[in-house]
Amino acid sequence: MTSIEKRINTVLGHDLVLDFYESIEKCRGQLDCINGHPAKSNQTQAYYDGYGERFDIEQNETHWSEQ
């Protein structure tokens, strides 16, 4: 396998799977926040990133709707 083939395999294989997994984890965090569930313990960083991003959005919407 040439170095170019290895790079293509890495980009289309392993990295794509990791990006997909991280996206799913981020969505799980966002959904928990949207549904009013507390953040679960021992989750991935992507989960906490999604939860935190959605929490910020919810707080900003509440702040601006109260003014």
PDB file of N, CA and C in Angstrom:
ATOM      1  N   MET A   1       0.860  -1.174   0.000  1.00  0.00           N
ATOM      2  CA  MET A   1       0.000   0.000   0.000  1.00  0.00           C
ATOM      3  C   MET A   1       0.906   1.237   0.000  1.00  0.00           C
ATOM      4  N   THR A   2       0.636   2.157  -0.902  1.00  0.00           N
ATOM      5  CA  THR A   2       1.433   3.381  -0.990  1.00  0.00           C
ATOM      6  C   THR A   2       1.053   4.339   0.122  1.00  0.00           C
ATOM      7  N   SER A   3       1.891   5.345   0.330  1.00  0.00           N
ATOM      8  CA  SER A   3       1.587   6.330   1.375  1.00  0.00           C
ATOM      9  C   SER A   3       0.319   7.101   1.055  1.00  0.00           C
ATOM     10  N   ILE A   4       0.066   7.340  -0.233  1.00  0.00           N
ATOM     11  CA  ILE A   4      -1.179   8.037  -0.622  1.00  0.00           C
ATOM     12  C   ILE A   4      -2.389   7.168  -0.304  1.00  0.00           C
ATOM     13  N   GLU A   5      -2.299   5.883  -0.585  1.00  0.00           N
ATOM     14  CA  GLU A   5      -3.406   4.975  -0.272  1.00  0.00           C
ATOM     15  C   GLU A   5      -3.655   4.913   1.237  1.00  0.00           C
ATOM     16  N   LYS A   6      -2.583   4.905   2.011  1.00  0.00           N
ATOM     17  CA  LYS A   6      -2.735   4.904   3.468  1.00  0.00           C
ATOM     18  C   LYS A   6      -3.428   6.171   3.949  1.00  0.00           C
ATOM     19  N   ARG A   7      -3.049   7.301   3.350  1.00  0.00           N
ATOM     20  CA  ARG A   7      -3.669   8.569   3.754  1.00  0.00           C
ATOM     21  C   ARG A   7      -5.148   8.591   3.394  1.00  0.00           C
ATOM     22  N   ILE A   8      -5.481   8.108   2.202  1.00  0.00           N
ATOM     23  CA  ILE A   8      -6.892   8.064   1.783  1.00  0.00           C
ATOM     24  C   ILE A   8      -7.680   7.160   2.727  1.00  0.00           C
ATOM     25  N   ASN A   9      -7.115   5.998   3.053  1.00  0.00           N
ATOM     26  CA  ASN A   9      -7.771   5.066   3.959  1.00  0.00           C
ATOM     27  C   ASN A   9      -7.990   5.699   5.328  1.00  0.00           C
ATOM     28  N   THR A  10      -7.007   6.420   5.802  1.00  0.00           N
ATOM     29  CA  THR A  10      -7.128   7.072   7.101  1.00  0.00           C
ATOM     30  C   THR A  10      -8.210   8.141   7.075  1.00  0.00           C
ATOM     31  N   VAL A  11      -8.212   8.959   6.048  1.00  0.00           N
ATOM     32  CA  VAL A  11      -9.190  10.051   5.964  1.00  0.00           C
ATOM     33  C   VAL A  11     -10.599   9.516   5.784  1.00  0.00           C
ATOM     34  N   LEU A  12     -10.780   8.549   4.914  1.00  0.00           N
ATOM     35  CA  LEU A  12     -12.120   8.051   4.633  1.00  0.00           C
ATOM     36  C   LEU A  12     -12.577   6.979   5.611  1.00  0.00           C
ATOM     37  N   GLY A  13     -11.655   6.372   6.306  1.00  0.00           N
ATOM     38  CA  GLY A  13     -12.026   5.298   7.209  1.00  0.00           C
ATOM     39  C   GLY A  13     -12.078   5.731   8.644  1.00  0.00           C
ATOM     40  N   HIS A  14     -10.978   5.654   9.308  1.00  0.00           N
ATOM     41  CA  HIS A  14     -10.890   5.875  10.751  1.00  0.00           C
ATOM     42  C   HIS A  14     -11.364   7.266  11.165  1.00  0.00           C
ATOM     43  N   ASP A  15     -10.876   8.297  10.518  1.00  0.00           N
ATOM     44  CA  ASP A  15     -11.249   9.661  10.895  1.00  0.00           C
ATOM     45  C   ASP A  15     -12.737   9.919  10.697  1.00  0.00           C
ATOM     46  N   LEU A  16     -13.296   9.393   9.631  1.00  0.00           N
ATOM     47  CA  LEU A  16     -14.725   9.580   9.368  1.00  0.00           C
ATOM     48  C   LEU A  16     -15.568   8.918  10.447  1.00  0.00           C
ATOM     49  N   VAL A  17     -15.159   7.730  10.865  1.00  0.00           N
ATOM     50  CA  VAL A  17     -15.884   7.020  11.918  1.00  0.00           C
ATOM     51  C   VAL A  17     -15.802   7.803  13.225  1.00  0.00           C
ATOM     52  N   LEU A  18     -14.636   8.321  13.563  1.00  0.00           N
ATOM     53  CA  LEU A  18     -14.499   9.094  14.791  1.00  0.00           C
ATOM     54  C   LEU A  18     -15.335  10.362  14.751  1.00  0.00           C
ATOM     55  N   ASP A  19     -15.354  11.057  13.617  1.00  0.00           N
ATOM     56  CA  ASP A  19     -16.180  12.258  13.486  1.00  0.00           C
ATOM     57  C   ASP A  19     -17.657  11.923  13.653  1.00  0.00           C
ATOM     58  N   PHE A  20     -18.098  10.819  13.077  1.00  0.00           N
ATOM     59  CA  PHE A  20     -19.494  10.397  13.186  1.00  0.00           C
ATOM     60  C   PHE A  20     -19.836  10.078  14.635  1.00  0.00           C
ATOM     61  N   TYR A  21     -18.956   9.346  15.315  1.00  0.00           N
ATOM     62  CA  TYR A  21     -19.177   8.985  16.716  1.00  0.00           C
ATOM     63  C   TYR A  21     -19.241  10.238  17.584  1.00  0.00           C
ATOM     64  N   GLU A  22     -18.338  11.178  17.363  1.00  0.00           N
ATOM     65  CA  GLU A  22     -18.347  12.411  18.142  1.00  0.00           C
ATOM     66  C   GLU A  22     -19.617  13.212  17.883  1.00  0.00           C
ATOM     67  N   SER A  23     -20.106  13.210  16.656  1.00  0.00           N
ATOM     68  CA  SER A  23     -21.357  13.918  16.336  1.00  0.00           C
ATOM     69  C   SER A  23     -22.532  13.314  17.080  1.00  0.00           C
ATOM     70  N   ILE A  24     -22.572  11.999  17.137  1.00  0.00           N
ATOM     71  CA  ILE A  24     -23.653  11.328  17.861  1.00  0.00           C
ATOM     72  C   ILE A  24     -23.578  11.664  19.350  1.00  0.00           C
ATOM     73  N   GLU A  25     -22.377  11.623  19.916  1.00  0.00           N
ATOM     74  CA  GLU A  25     -22.209  11.942  21.329  1.00  0.00           C
ATOM     75  C   GLU A  25     -22.632  13.383  21.621  1.00  0.00           C
ATOM     76  N   LYS A  26     -22.275  14.296  20.737  1.00  0.00           N
ATOM     77  CA  LYS A  26     -22.647  15.699  20.911  1.00  0.00           C
ATOM     78  C   LYS A  26     -24.170  15.852  20.876  1.00  0.00           C
ATOM     79  N   CYS A  27     -24.810  15.152  19.967  1.00  0.00           N
ATOM     80  CA  CYS A  27     -26.275  15.202  19.877  1.00  0.00           C
ATOM     81  C   CYS A  27     -26.931  14.624  21.125  1.00  0.00           C
ATOM     82  N   ARG A  28     -26.367  13.557  21.687  1.00  0.00           N
ATOM     83  CA  ARG A  28     -26.912  12.998  22.924  1.00  0.00           C
ATOM     84  C   ARG A  28     -26.868  14.023  24.046  1.00  0.00           C
ATOM     85  N   GLY A  29     -25.771  14.757  24.136  1.00  0.00           N
ATOM     86  CA  GLY A  29     -25.664  15.795  25.157  1.00  0.00           C
ATOM     87  C   GLY A  29     -26.677  16.902  24.943  1.00  0.00           C
ATOM     88  N   GLN A  30     -26.835  17.315  23.698  1.00  0.00           N
ATOM     89  CA  GLN A  30     -27.804  18.366  23.394  1.00  0.00           C
ATOM     90  C   GLN A  30     -29.218  17.911  23.726  1.00  0.00           C
ATOM     91  N   LEU A  31     -29.556  16.683  23.377  1.00  0.00           N
ATOM     92  CA  LEU A  31     -30.902  16.174  23.660  1.00  0.00           C
ATOM     93  C   LEU A  31     -31.176  16.069  25.152  1.00  0.00           C
ATOM     94  N   ASP A  32     -30.191  15.642  25.914  1.00  0.00           N
ATOM     95  CA  ASP A  32     -30.391  15.584  27.367  1.00  0.00           C
ATOM     96  C   ASP A  32     -30.688  16.976  27.926  1.00  0.00           C
ATOM     97  N   CYS A  33     -29.988  17.980  27.425  1.00  0.00           N
ATOM     98  CA  CYS A  33     -30.221  19.343  27.883  1.00  0.00           C
ATOM     99  C   CYS A  33     -31.605  19.836  27.460  1.00  0.00           C
ATOM    100  N   ILE A  34     -31.953  19.615  26.211  1.00  0.00           N
ATOM    101  CA  ILE A  34     -33.260  20.042  25.692  1.00  0.00           C
ATOM    102  C   ILE A  34     -34.391  19.420  26.497  1.00  0.00           C
ATOM    103  N   ASN A  35     -34.231  18.149  26.860  1.00  0.00           N
ATOM    104  CA  ASN A  35     -35.280  17.439  27.599  1.00  0.00           C
ATOM    105  C   ASN A  35     -35.235  17.694  29.101  1.00  0.00           C
ATOM    106  N   GLY A  36     -34.337  18.567  29.540  1.00  0.00           N
ATOM    107  CA  GLY A  36     -34.286  18.951  30.938  1.00  0.00           C
ATOM    108  C   GLY A  36     -33.598  17.962  31.857  1.00  0.00           C
ATOM    109  N   HIS A  37     -32.859  17.020  31.292  1.00  0.00           N
ATOM    110  CA  HIS A  37     -32.138  16.040  32.106  1.00  0.00           C
ATOM    111  C   HIS A  37     -30.802  16.625  32.555  1.00  0.00           C
ATOM    112  N   PRO A  38     -30.375  16.313  33.753  1.00  0.00           N
ATOM    113  CA  PRO A  38     -29.040  16.766  34.164  1.00  0.00           C
ATOM    114  C   PRO A  38     -27.977  16.037  33.339  1.00  0.00           C
ATOM    115  N   ALA A  39     -26.828  16.662  33.200  1.00  0.00           N
ATOM    116  CA  ALA A  39     -25.739  16.020  32.459  1.00  0.00           C
ATOM    117  C   ALA A  39     -25.327  14.744  33.178  1.00  0.00           C
ATOM    118  N   LYS A  40     -25.167  13.681  32.411  1.00  0.00           N
ATOM    119  CA  LYS A  40     -24.779  12.394  32.985  1.00  0.00           C
ATOM    120  C   LYS A  40     -23.289  12.400  33.311  1.00  0.00           C
ATOM    121  N   SER A  41     -22.906  11.613  34.277  1.00  0.00           N
ATOM    122  CA  SER A  41     -21.490  11.528  34.628  1.00  0.00           C
ATOM    123  C   SER A  41     -20.796  10.465  33.775  1.00  0.00           C
ATOM    124  N   ASN A  42     -19.494  10.566  33.699  1.00  0.00           N
ATOM    125  CA  ASN A  42     -18.637   9.613  32.977  1.00  0.00           C
ATOM    126  C   ASN A  42     -18.983   9.508  31.496  1.00  0.00           C
ATOM    127  N   GLN A  43     -19.225  10.646  30.846  1.00  0.00           N
ATOM    128  CA  GLN A  43     -19.509  10.674  29.419  1.00  0.00           C
ATOM    129  C   GLN A  43     -18.295  11.202  28.662  1.00  0.00           C
ATOM    130  N   THR A  44     -18.379  11.180  27.346  1.00  0.00           N
ATOM    131  CA  THR A  44     -17.277  11.675  26.520  1.00  0.00           C
ATOM    132  C   THR A  44     -17.247  13.201  26.536  1.00  0.00           C
ATOM    133  N   GLN A  45     -16.117  13.739  26.128  1.00  0.00           N
ATOM    134  CA  GLN A  45     -15.991  15.198  26.034  1.00  0.00           C
ATOM    135  C   GLN A  45     -16.982  15.760  25.024  1.00  0.00           C
ATOM    136  N   ALA A  46     -17.222  15.031  23.939  1.00  0.00           N
ATOM    137  CA  ALA A  46     -18.181  15.487  22.923  1.00  0.00           C
ATOM    138  C   ALA A  46     -19.582  15.611  23.520  1.00  0.00           C
ATOM    139  N   TYR A  47     -19.954  14.684  24.393  1.00  0.00           N
ATOM    140  CA  TYR A  47     -21.250  14.749  25.069  1.00  0.00           C
ATOM    141  C   TYR A  47     -21.355  16.038  25.877  1.00  0.00           C
ATOM    142  N   TYR A  48     -20.326  16.316  26.673  1.00  0.00           N
ATOM    143  CA  TYR A  48     -20.340  17.524  27.507  1.00  0.00           C
ATOM    144  C   TYR A  48     -20.285  18.791  26.660  1.00  0.00           C
ATOM    145  N   ASP A  49     -19.576  18.749  25.534  1.00  0.00           N
ATOM    146  CA  ASP A  49     -19.553  19.902  24.625  1.00  0.00           C
ATOM    147  C   ASP A  49     -20.952  20.188  24.091  1.00  0.00           C
ATOM    148  N   GLY A  50     -21.653  19.149  23.667  1.00  0.00           N
ATOM    149  CA  GLY A  50     -23.013  19.316  23.156  1.00  0.00           C
ATOM    150  C   GLY A  50     -23.967  19.810  24.225  1.00  0.00           C
ATOM    151  N   TYR A  51     -23.853  19.246  25.418  1.00  0.00           N
ATOM    152  CA  TYR A  51     -24.713  19.666  26.524  1.00  0.00           C
ATOM    153  C   TYR A  51     -24.469  21.132  26.845  1.00  0.00           C
ATOM    154  N   GLY A  52     -23.204  21.515  26.925  1.00  0.00           N
ATOM    155  CA  GLY A  52     -22.852  22.895  27.264  1.00  0.00           C
ATOM    156  C   GLY A  52     -23.287  23.892  26.209  1.00  0.00           C
ATOM    157  N   GLU A  53     -23.112  23.531  24.947  1.00  0.00           N
ATOM    158  CA  GLU A  53     -23.542  24.429  23.868  1.00  0.00           C
ATOM    159  C   GLU A  53     -25.043  24.662  23.918  1.00  0.00           C
ATOM    160  N   ARG A  54     -25.794  23.590  24.126  1.00  0.00           N
ATOM    161  CA  ARG A  54     -27.258  23.734  24.179  1.00  0.00           C
ATOM    162  C   ARG A  54     -27.688  24.494  25.426  1.00  0.00           C
ATOM    163  N   PHE A  55     -26.993  24.276  26.532  1.00  0.00           N
ATOM    164  CA  PHE A  55     -27.299  24.996  27.763  1.00  0.00           C
ATOM    165  C   PHE A  55     -27.117  26.490  27.551  1.00  0.00           C
ATOM    166  N   ASP A  56     -26.032  26.880  26.890  1.00  0.00           N
ATOM    167  CA  ASP A  56     -25.800  28.301  26.587  1.00  0.00           C
ATOM    168  C   ASP A  56     -26.913  28.874  25.728  1.00  0.00           C
ATOM    169  N   ILE A  57     -27.346  28.128  24.730  1.00  0.00           N
ATOM    170  CA  ILE A  57     -28.431  28.598  23.854  1.00  0.00           C
ATOM    171  C   ILE A  57     -29.705  28.796  24.665  1.00  0.00           C
ATOM    172  N   GLU A  58     -30.026  27.817  25.500  1.00  0.00           N
ATOM    173  CA  GLU A  58     -31.239  27.903  26.320  1.00  0.00           C
ATOM    174  C   GLU A  58     -31.175  29.114  27.259  1.00  0.00           C
ATOM    175  N   GLN A  59     -30.025  29.342  27.868  1.00  0.00           N
ATOM    176  CA  GLN A  59     -29.875  30.471  28.783  1.00  0.00           C
ATOM    177  C   GLN A  59     -30.011  31.802  28.056  1.00  0.00           C
ATOM    178  N   ASN A  60     -29.430  31.902  26.885  1.00  0.00           N
ATOM    179  CA  ASN A  60     -29.526  33.143  26.111  1.00  0.00           C
ATOM    180  C   ASN A  60     -30.954  33.407  25.657  1.00  0.00           C
ATOM    181  N   GLU A  61     -31.662  32.362  25.237  1.00  0.00           N
ATOM    182  CA  GLU A  61     -33.062  32.546  24.821  1.00  0.00           C
ATOM    183  C   GLU A  61     -33.914  32.997  25.992  1.00  0.00           C
ATOM    184  N   THR A  62     -33.672  32.430  27.170  1.00  0.00           N
ATOM    185  CA  THR A  62     -34.424  32.818  28.362  1.00  0.00           C
ATOM    186  C   THR A  62     -34.110  34.267  28.741  1.00  0.00           C
ATOM    187  N   HIS A  63     -32.834  34.615  28.678  1.00  0.00           N
ATOM    188  CA  HIS A  63     -32.429  35.972  29.029  1.00  0.00           C
ATOM    189  C   HIS A  63     -33.085  37.002  28.121  1.00  0.00           C
ATOM    190  N   TRP A  64     -33.039  36.755  26.806  1.00  0.00           N
ATOM    191  CA  TRP A  64     -33.594  37.748  25.863  1.00  0.00           C
ATOM    192  C   TRP A  64     -35.112  37.765  25.875  1.00  0.00           C
ATOM    193  N   SER A  65     -35.759  36.657  26.212  1.00  0.00           N
ATOM    194  CA  SER A  65     -37.222  36.660  26.245  1.00  0.00           C
ATOM    195  C   SER A  65     -37.752  37.366  27.500  1.00  0.00           C
ATOM    196  N   GLU A  66     -36.912  37.482  28.526  1.00  0.00           N
ATOM    197  CA  GLU A  66     -37.346  38.152  29.756  1.00  0.00           C
ATOM    198  C   GLU A  66     -37.180  39.662  29.697  1.00  0.00           C
ATOM    199  N   GLN A  67     -36.481  40.152  28.700  1.00  0.00           N
ATOM    200  CA  GLN A  67     -36.277  41.604  28.601  1.00  0.00           C
ATOM    201  C   GLN A  67     -37.340  42.268  27.784  1.00  0.00           C
TER     202      GLN A  67
END
